[in-house]
Protein backbone atom coordinates (compact mmCIF):
# COMPACT_ATOMS: atom_id res chain seq x y z
CA UNK A 1 122.61 84.98 64.36
CA UNK A 2 121.35 86.32 67.67
CA UNK A 3 117.73 87.44 67.83
CA UNK A 4 117.40 91.22 68.12
CA UNK A 5 114.06 92.75 68.91
CA UNK A 6 113.33 95.95 66.98
CA UNK A 7 112.08 97.66 70.15
CA UNK A 8 115.69 98.20 71.26
CA UNK A 9 114.87 98.26 74.97
CA UNK A 10 116.55 100.23 77.68
CA UNK A 11 118.17 97.98 80.27
CA UNK A 12 116.35 97.27 83.53
CA UNK A 13 118.46 99.94 85.24
CA UNK A 14 117.15 102.56 82.80
CA UNK A 15 116.49 105.13 85.50
CA UNK A 16 117.19 105.71 89.15
CA UNK A 17 113.59 104.81 90.01
CA UNK A 18 114.07 101.31 88.56
CA UNK A 19 116.63 100.66 91.28
CA UNK A 20 114.08 101.27 94.02
CA UNK A 21 111.92 98.35 95.09
CA UNK A 22 108.45 98.80 96.53
CA UNK A 23 108.00 95.74 98.75
CA UNK A 24 104.22 95.74 98.10
CA UNK A 25 104.68 95.91 94.32
CA UNK A 26 108.29 95.00 93.44
CA UNK A 27 108.11 95.23 89.65
CA UNK A 28 105.81 98.23 89.29
CA UNK A 29 108.51 100.78 88.39
CA UNK A 30 110.26 98.41 85.96
CA UNK A 31 106.90 97.75 84.31
CA UNK A 32 106.31 101.49 83.90
CA UNK A 33 109.75 101.90 82.31
CA UNK A 34 108.94 99.00 79.97
CA UNK A 35 105.71 100.74 78.99
CA UNK A 36 107.57 103.98 78.25
CA UNK A 37 109.72 102.00 75.81
CA UNK A 38 106.59 100.67 74.08
CA UNK A 39 105.07 104.14 73.91
CA UNK A 40 108.23 105.54 72.35
CA UNK A 41 108.49 102.63 69.90
CA UNK A 42 104.88 103.03 68.76
CA UNK A 43 105.20 106.83 68.90
CA UNK A 44 101.83 106.70 70.61
CA UNK A 45 101.50 109.94 72.55
CA UNK A 46 98.16 111.08 71.16
CA UNK A 47 95.66 112.04 73.85
CA UNK A 48 92.23 110.57 73.23
CA UNK A 49 88.73 111.60 74.18
CA UNK A 50 87.09 109.75 77.05
CA UNK A 51 84.69 108.17 74.51
CA UNK A 52 87.66 106.86 72.47
CA UNK A 53 89.21 105.47 75.65
CA UNK A 54 85.94 103.70 76.47
CA UNK A 55 85.86 102.06 73.03
CA UNK A 56 89.40 100.69 73.50
CA UNK A 57 88.64 99.38 77.01
CA UNK A 58 85.30 97.88 75.94
CA UNK A 59 86.91 96.10 72.99
CA UNK A 60 89.62 94.38 75.02
CA UNK A 61 87.33 93.55 77.97
CA UNK A 62 84.76 92.02 75.59
CA UNK A 63 87.51 89.91 73.99
CA UNK A 64 88.31 88.43 77.44
CA UNK A 65 84.62 87.98 78.31
CA UNK A 66 84.81 90.57 81.05
CA UNK A 67 81.90 92.97 81.74
CA UNK A 68 82.48 96.37 80.19
CA UNK A 69 83.88 98.81 82.74
CA UNK A 70 82.43 102.21 83.49
CA UNK A 71 84.71 104.97 82.22
CA UNK A 72 85.13 108.01 84.46
CA UNK A 73 87.17 111.14 83.85
CA UNK A 74 89.35 110.73 86.95
CA UNK A 75 88.97 114.36 87.92
CA UNK A 76 91.03 115.07 91.02
CA UNK A 77 93.17 111.93 90.72
CA UNK A 78 96.91 112.08 90.14
CA UNK A 79 97.07 108.60 88.57
CA UNK A 80 94.80 106.38 86.49
CA UNK A 81 92.90 103.54 88.17
CA UNK A 82 91.21 100.39 86.93
CA UNK A 83 89.37 97.54 88.63
CA UNK A 84 86.39 96.93 90.91
CA UNK A 85 85.04 99.77 92.97
CA UNK A 86 83.61 98.98 96.44
CA UNK A 87 80.18 98.33 94.85
CA UNK A 88 81.68 95.54 92.69
CA UNK A 89 81.42 97.57 89.48
CA UNK A 90 84.37 97.53 87.12
CA UNK A 91 85.53 101.07 86.60
CA UNK A 92 88.39 102.88 84.90
CA UNK A 93 89.24 106.40 86.01
CA UNK A 94 91.42 108.39 83.63
CA UNK A 95 92.71 111.85 84.43
CA UNK A 96 93.30 113.79 81.21
CA UNK A 97 97.08 113.14 81.10
CA UNK A 98 96.44 109.34 81.05
CA UNK A 99 94.06 109.31 78.09
CA UNK A 100 96.37 107.58 75.66
CA UNK A 101 96.13 104.05 74.30
CA UNK A 102 98.75 102.29 76.45
CA UNK A 103 97.36 103.76 79.68
CA UNK A 104 93.85 102.64 78.73
CA UNK A 105 95.12 99.13 77.96
CA UNK A 106 97.04 99.07 81.26
CA UNK A 107 93.93 99.99 83.27
CA UNK A 108 91.72 97.62 81.27
CA UNK A 109 94.23 94.87 82.10
CA UNK A 110 93.65 95.64 85.80
CA UNK A 111 89.90 95.16 85.24
CA UNK A 112 90.47 91.91 83.34
CA UNK A 113 92.97 90.60 85.89
CA UNK A 114 90.77 91.45 88.86
CA UNK A 115 87.62 90.00 87.28
CA UNK A 116 89.18 86.76 86.02
CA UNK A 117 91.28 86.06 89.12
CA UNK A 118 88.64 87.29 91.57
CA UNK A 119 91.26 89.49 93.19
CA UNK A 120 89.94 91.13 96.35
CA UNK A 121 87.99 94.34 95.91
CA UNK A 122 89.59 97.42 97.37
CA UNK A 123 92.97 95.75 97.82
CA UNK A 124 96.05 97.08 96.08
CA UNK A 125 96.55 95.24 92.81
CA UNK A 126 100.22 94.49 92.41
CA UNK A 127 101.79 94.37 88.99
CA UNK A 128 102.78 90.75 89.63
CA UNK A 129 103.59 87.99 87.16
CA UNK A 130 99.93 87.02 86.57
CA UNK A 131 98.89 90.60 85.88
CA UNK A 132 101.95 91.17 83.69
CA UNK A 133 101.12 88.05 81.62
CA UNK A 134 97.67 89.48 80.84
CA UNK A 135 99.20 92.86 80.05
CA UNK A 136 101.82 91.46 77.66
CA UNK A 137 99.17 89.49 75.77
CA UNK A 138 96.97 92.57 75.54
CA UNK A 139 99.82 94.77 74.33
CA UNK A 140 100.82 92.19 71.74
CA UNK A 141 97.33 91.92 70.27
CA UNK A 142 96.33 95.58 70.53
CA UNK A 143 99.63 97.12 69.43
CA UNK A 144 100.25 94.56 66.70
CA UNK A 145 103.66 93.54 68.04
CA UNK A 146 104.54 89.82 68.05
CA UNK A 147 104.41 88.32 71.53
CA UNK A 148 108.01 87.10 71.30
CA UNK A 149 109.14 90.70 70.77
CA UNK A 150 107.13 91.93 73.75
CA UNK A 151 108.47 89.10 75.93
CA UNK A 152 112.04 89.74 74.83
CA UNK A 153 111.79 93.38 75.86
CA UNK A 154 110.01 92.50 79.13
CA UNK A 155 112.94 90.23 80.01
CA UNK A 156 115.33 93.15 79.44
CA UNK A 157 113.47 94.96 82.20
CA UNK A 158 113.64 91.90 84.48
CA UNK A 159 109.86 91.52 84.49
CA UNK A 160 108.32 88.28 85.75
CA UNK A 161 105.49 86.98 83.63
């Protein structure tokens, strides 16, 4: 019997955007589509307070032995951000529309990745295979989904990890 993951993923060509490749970050759009599948599967659309977001980020960063990031409201930003600021302080900025669990985990993964790999401060952080590995492990543990399920779905989106 063939293994079938209960997440029932969309294929890697799930949307027109998935067909476009950003040469600086080739798997970014596919990763975002993958995350939409997880959000839908977990039915996890609840917006959280900034304090709740901080607790989630602190918990996962502490697990990886990474200093706890500052949590900012992201006022004026169009997208969420996570990682070192120019002063070498880990920071997550979350505009209101990104205050849900998967977005917080995604940005915390940027902090973890940048801290543990000593990725250059101020440089664009691609959603490469090393970052994606951290992210899949975090999603598996925090969303209570077996890692083999997460990996199976990630492969459906042609993600390298």
